[in-house]
């Protein structure tokens, strides 16, 4: 009886690992841009300007960038 009580007490005190079957589901790719808008300073007409945007994949599957359009 005492062993059973001790065993049940230890099981209750074990940390919850948070594991569920839902944790195994993939969410897919998720694009994250720390900066999604950039305002250029005024420039002279005809000059080429360039700005690079950094894209991070916060998802759990590969992120494929297939098409980009500027606004």
N, C-alpha and C. Protein backbone atom coordinates (compact mmCIF):
# COMPACT_ATOMS: atom_id res chain seq x y z
N UNK A 1 0.83 -1.20 0.00
CA UNK A 1 0.00 0.00 0.00
C UNK A 1 0.87 1.26 0.00
N UNK A 2 1.92 1.26 0.83
CA UNK A 2 2.81 2.43 0.92
C UNK A 2 3.55 2.64 -0.40
N UNK A 3 3.96 1.53 -1.03
CA UNK A 3 4.66 1.65 -2.33
C UNK A 3 3.73 2.27 -3.38
N UNK A 4 2.50 1.86 -3.39
CA UNK A 4 1.54 2.39 -4.35
C UNK A 4 1.32 3.88 -4.12
N UNK A 5 1.22 4.27 -2.87
CA UNK A 5 1.04 5.69 -2.54
C UNK A 5 2.25 6.51 -2.96
N UNK A 6 3.44 5.99 -2.71
CA UNK A 6 4.67 6.69 -3.11
C UNK A 6 4.74 6.78 -4.63
N UNK A 7 4.42 5.70 -5.34
CA UNK A 7 4.46 5.69 -6.80
C UNK A 7 3.46 6.71 -7.38
N UNK A 8 2.26 6.73 -6.86
CA UNK A 8 1.27 7.70 -7.33
C UNK A 8 1.70 9.13 -7.05
N UNK A 9 2.32 9.37 -5.91
CA UNK A 9 2.82 10.70 -5.58
C UNK A 9 3.91 11.13 -6.55
N UNK A 10 4.83 10.22 -6.87
CA UNK A 10 5.91 10.55 -7.81
C UNK A 10 5.38 10.83 -9.21
N UNK A 11 4.39 10.06 -9.64
CA UNK A 11 3.80 10.28 -10.96
C UNK A 11 3.14 11.65 -11.04
N UNK A 12 2.48 12.05 -9.97
CA UNK A 12 1.83 13.36 -9.94
C UNK A 12 2.83 14.51 -9.93
N UNK A 13 4.01 14.25 -9.40
CA UNK A 13 5.02 15.30 -9.31
C UNK A 13 5.91 15.40 -10.54
N UNK A 14 5.80 14.44 -11.46
CA UNK A 14 6.61 14.50 -12.68
C UNK A 14 6.21 15.73 -13.50
N UNK A 15 7.20 16.38 -14.13
CA UNK A 15 6.86 17.56 -14.94
C UNK A 15 6.06 17.16 -16.18
N UNK A 16 5.16 18.02 -16.55
CA UNK A 16 4.36 17.81 -17.76
C UNK A 16 5.23 18.16 -18.96
N UNK A 17 5.45 17.20 -19.85
CA UNK A 17 6.29 17.46 -21.02
C UNK A 17 5.54 18.19 -22.10
N UNK A 18 4.22 18.24 -22.00
CA UNK A 18 3.43 18.96 -23.00
C UNK A 18 3.29 18.22 -24.31
N UNK A 19 3.66 16.95 -24.34
CA UNK A 19 3.58 16.20 -25.58
C UNK A 19 2.15 15.77 -25.86
N UNK A 20 1.70 16.08 -27.04
CA UNK A 20 0.40 15.59 -27.52
C UNK A 20 0.57 15.21 -28.98
N UNK A 21 -0.39 14.50 -29.51
CA UNK A 21 -0.34 14.13 -30.92
C UNK A 21 -0.37 15.37 -31.81
N UNK A 22 -0.98 16.45 -31.34
CA UNK A 22 -1.05 17.69 -32.13
C UNK A 22 0.32 18.30 -32.33
N UNK A 23 1.28 18.00 -31.45
CA UNK A 23 2.63 18.54 -31.60
C UNK A 23 3.35 17.96 -32.81
N UNK A 24 2.90 16.82 -33.32
CA UNK A 24 3.53 16.19 -34.47
C UNK A 24 3.07 16.77 -35.79
N UNK A 25 2.01 17.57 -35.79
CA UNK A 25 1.48 18.12 -37.03
C UNK A 25 2.38 19.25 -37.53
N UNK A 26 2.63 19.25 -38.82
CA UNK A 26 3.43 20.30 -39.42
C UNK A 26 2.54 21.49 -39.75
N UNK A 27 3.10 22.68 -39.60
CA UNK A 27 2.34 23.90 -39.89
C UNK A 27 2.68 24.46 -41.26
N UNK A 28 3.74 23.97 -41.88
CA UNK A 28 4.13 24.45 -43.20
C UNK A 28 5.09 25.62 -43.10
N UNK A 29 5.47 26.18 -44.25
CA UNK A 29 6.38 27.32 -44.25
C UNK A 29 5.68 28.58 -43.75
N UNK A 30 6.46 29.49 -43.18
CA UNK A 30 5.89 30.75 -42.70
C UNK A 30 6.94 31.84 -42.89
N UNK A 31 6.69 32.71 -43.86
CA UNK A 31 7.62 33.80 -44.15
C UNK A 31 7.52 34.87 -43.07
N UNK A 32 8.67 35.34 -42.63
CA UNK A 32 8.73 36.43 -41.65
C UNK A 32 9.72 37.46 -42.16
N UNK A 33 9.27 38.69 -42.27
CA UNK A 33 10.13 39.80 -42.69
C UNK A 33 10.25 40.79 -41.54
N UNK A 34 11.44 40.92 -40.95
CA UNK A 34 11.61 41.89 -39.88
C UNK A 34 11.28 43.31 -40.35
N UNK A 35 11.50 43.56 -41.63
CA UNK A 35 11.22 44.87 -42.23
C UNK A 35 10.48 44.61 -43.54
N UNK A 36 9.19 44.96 -43.61
CA UNK A 36 8.45 44.69 -44.83
C UNK A 36 8.13 45.95 -45.65
N UNK A 37 8.56 47.10 -45.17
CA UNK A 37 8.39 48.36 -45.90
C UNK A 37 9.69 49.14 -45.78
N UNK A 38 10.11 49.75 -46.87
CA UNK A 38 11.30 50.60 -46.84
C UNK A 38 11.00 51.87 -47.64
N UNK A 39 11.18 53.01 -47.03
CA UNK A 39 10.97 54.29 -47.69
C UNK A 39 12.32 54.85 -48.13
N UNK A 40 12.50 54.99 -49.44
CA UNK A 40 13.73 55.58 -49.96
C UNK A 40 13.71 57.09 -49.76
N UNK A 41 14.87 57.63 -49.52
CA UNK A 41 15.01 59.08 -49.46
C UNK A 41 14.85 59.62 -50.89
N UNK A 42 14.51 60.88 -51.05
CA UNK A 42 14.39 61.44 -52.40
C UNK A 42 15.69 61.25 -53.20
N UNK A 43 15.53 60.86 -54.48
CA UNK A 43 16.70 60.65 -55.35
C UNK A 43 16.48 61.39 -56.66
N UNK A 44 17.56 61.55 -57.39
CA UNK A 44 17.45 62.16 -58.71
C UNK A 44 16.86 61.17 -59.70
N UNK A 45 16.07 61.68 -60.62
CA UNK A 45 15.42 60.84 -61.61
C UNK A 45 16.46 60.10 -62.44
N UNK A 46 16.20 58.82 -62.68
CA UNK A 46 17.08 58.02 -63.51
C UNK A 46 18.12 57.23 -62.74
N UNK A 47 18.33 57.53 -61.45
CA UNK A 47 19.29 56.78 -60.66
C UNK A 47 18.68 55.45 -60.21
N UNK A 48 19.52 54.42 -60.19
CA UNK A 48 19.05 53.12 -59.72
C UNK A 48 19.22 53.05 -58.20
N UNK A 49 18.21 52.59 -57.51
CA UNK A 49 18.29 52.41 -56.06
C UNK A 49 18.01 50.95 -55.74
N UNK A 50 18.66 50.46 -54.70
CA UNK A 50 18.54 49.06 -54.33
C UNK A 50 18.36 48.96 -52.82
N UNK A 51 17.49 48.04 -52.41
CA UNK A 51 17.35 47.72 -50.99
C UNK A 51 17.09 46.22 -50.88
N UNK A 52 17.78 45.56 -49.97
CA UNK A 52 17.60 44.12 -49.79
C UNK A 52 16.69 43.86 -48.58
N UNK A 53 15.70 43.02 -48.79
CA UNK A 53 14.83 42.60 -47.70
C UNK A 53 15.26 41.22 -47.23
N UNK A 54 15.34 41.02 -45.93
CA UNK A 54 15.70 39.74 -45.36
C UNK A 54 14.41 38.97 -45.08
N UNK A 55 14.37 37.71 -45.51
CA UNK A 55 13.21 36.86 -45.29
C UNK A 55 13.65 35.66 -44.46
N UNK A 56 12.96 35.43 -43.34
CA UNK A 56 13.23 34.27 -42.49
C UNK A 56 12.07 33.29 -42.62
N UNK A 57 12.37 32.01 -42.55
CA UNK A 57 11.34 30.98 -42.53
C UNK A 57 11.11 30.57 -41.08
N UNK A 58 9.99 30.96 -40.50
CA UNK A 58 9.66 30.61 -39.12
C UNK A 58 8.81 29.35 -39.06
N UNK A 59 8.59 28.69 -40.19
CA UNK A 59 7.78 27.48 -40.24
C UNK A 59 8.65 26.24 -40.09
N UNK A 60 8.01 25.10 -40.27
CA UNK A 60 8.71 23.84 -40.10
C UNK A 60 8.86 23.05 -41.41
N UNK A 61 8.62 23.72 -42.53
CA UNK A 61 8.84 23.13 -43.84
C UNK A 61 9.55 24.16 -44.72
N UNK A 62 10.22 23.73 -45.80
CA UNK A 62 10.94 24.67 -46.65
C UNK A 62 10.04 25.77 -47.22
N UNK A 63 10.58 26.98 -47.27
CA UNK A 63 9.87 28.13 -47.82
C UNK A 63 10.38 28.35 -49.24
N UNK A 64 9.45 28.34 -50.21
CA UNK A 64 9.82 28.55 -51.61
C UNK A 64 9.25 29.91 -52.03
N UNK A 65 10.12 30.81 -52.43
CA UNK A 65 9.69 32.12 -52.94
C UNK A 65 9.68 32.02 -54.45
N UNK A 66 8.50 32.03 -55.02
CA UNK A 66 8.35 31.78 -56.46
C UNK A 66 8.12 33.05 -57.27
N UNK A 67 7.61 34.12 -56.66
CA UNK A 67 7.28 35.32 -57.41
C UNK A 67 7.33 36.52 -56.46
N UNK A 68 7.94 37.59 -56.92
CA UNK A 68 8.01 38.81 -56.12
C UNK A 68 7.57 39.97 -56.99
N UNK A 69 6.73 40.84 -56.44
CA UNK A 69 6.30 42.05 -57.12
C UNK A 69 6.55 43.24 -56.23
N UNK A 70 7.11 44.28 -56.80
CA UNK A 70 7.32 45.52 -56.03
C UNK A 70 6.06 46.37 -56.09
N UNK A 71 5.91 47.23 -55.10
CA UNK A 71 4.68 48.01 -55.04
C UNK A 71 4.80 49.39 -55.54
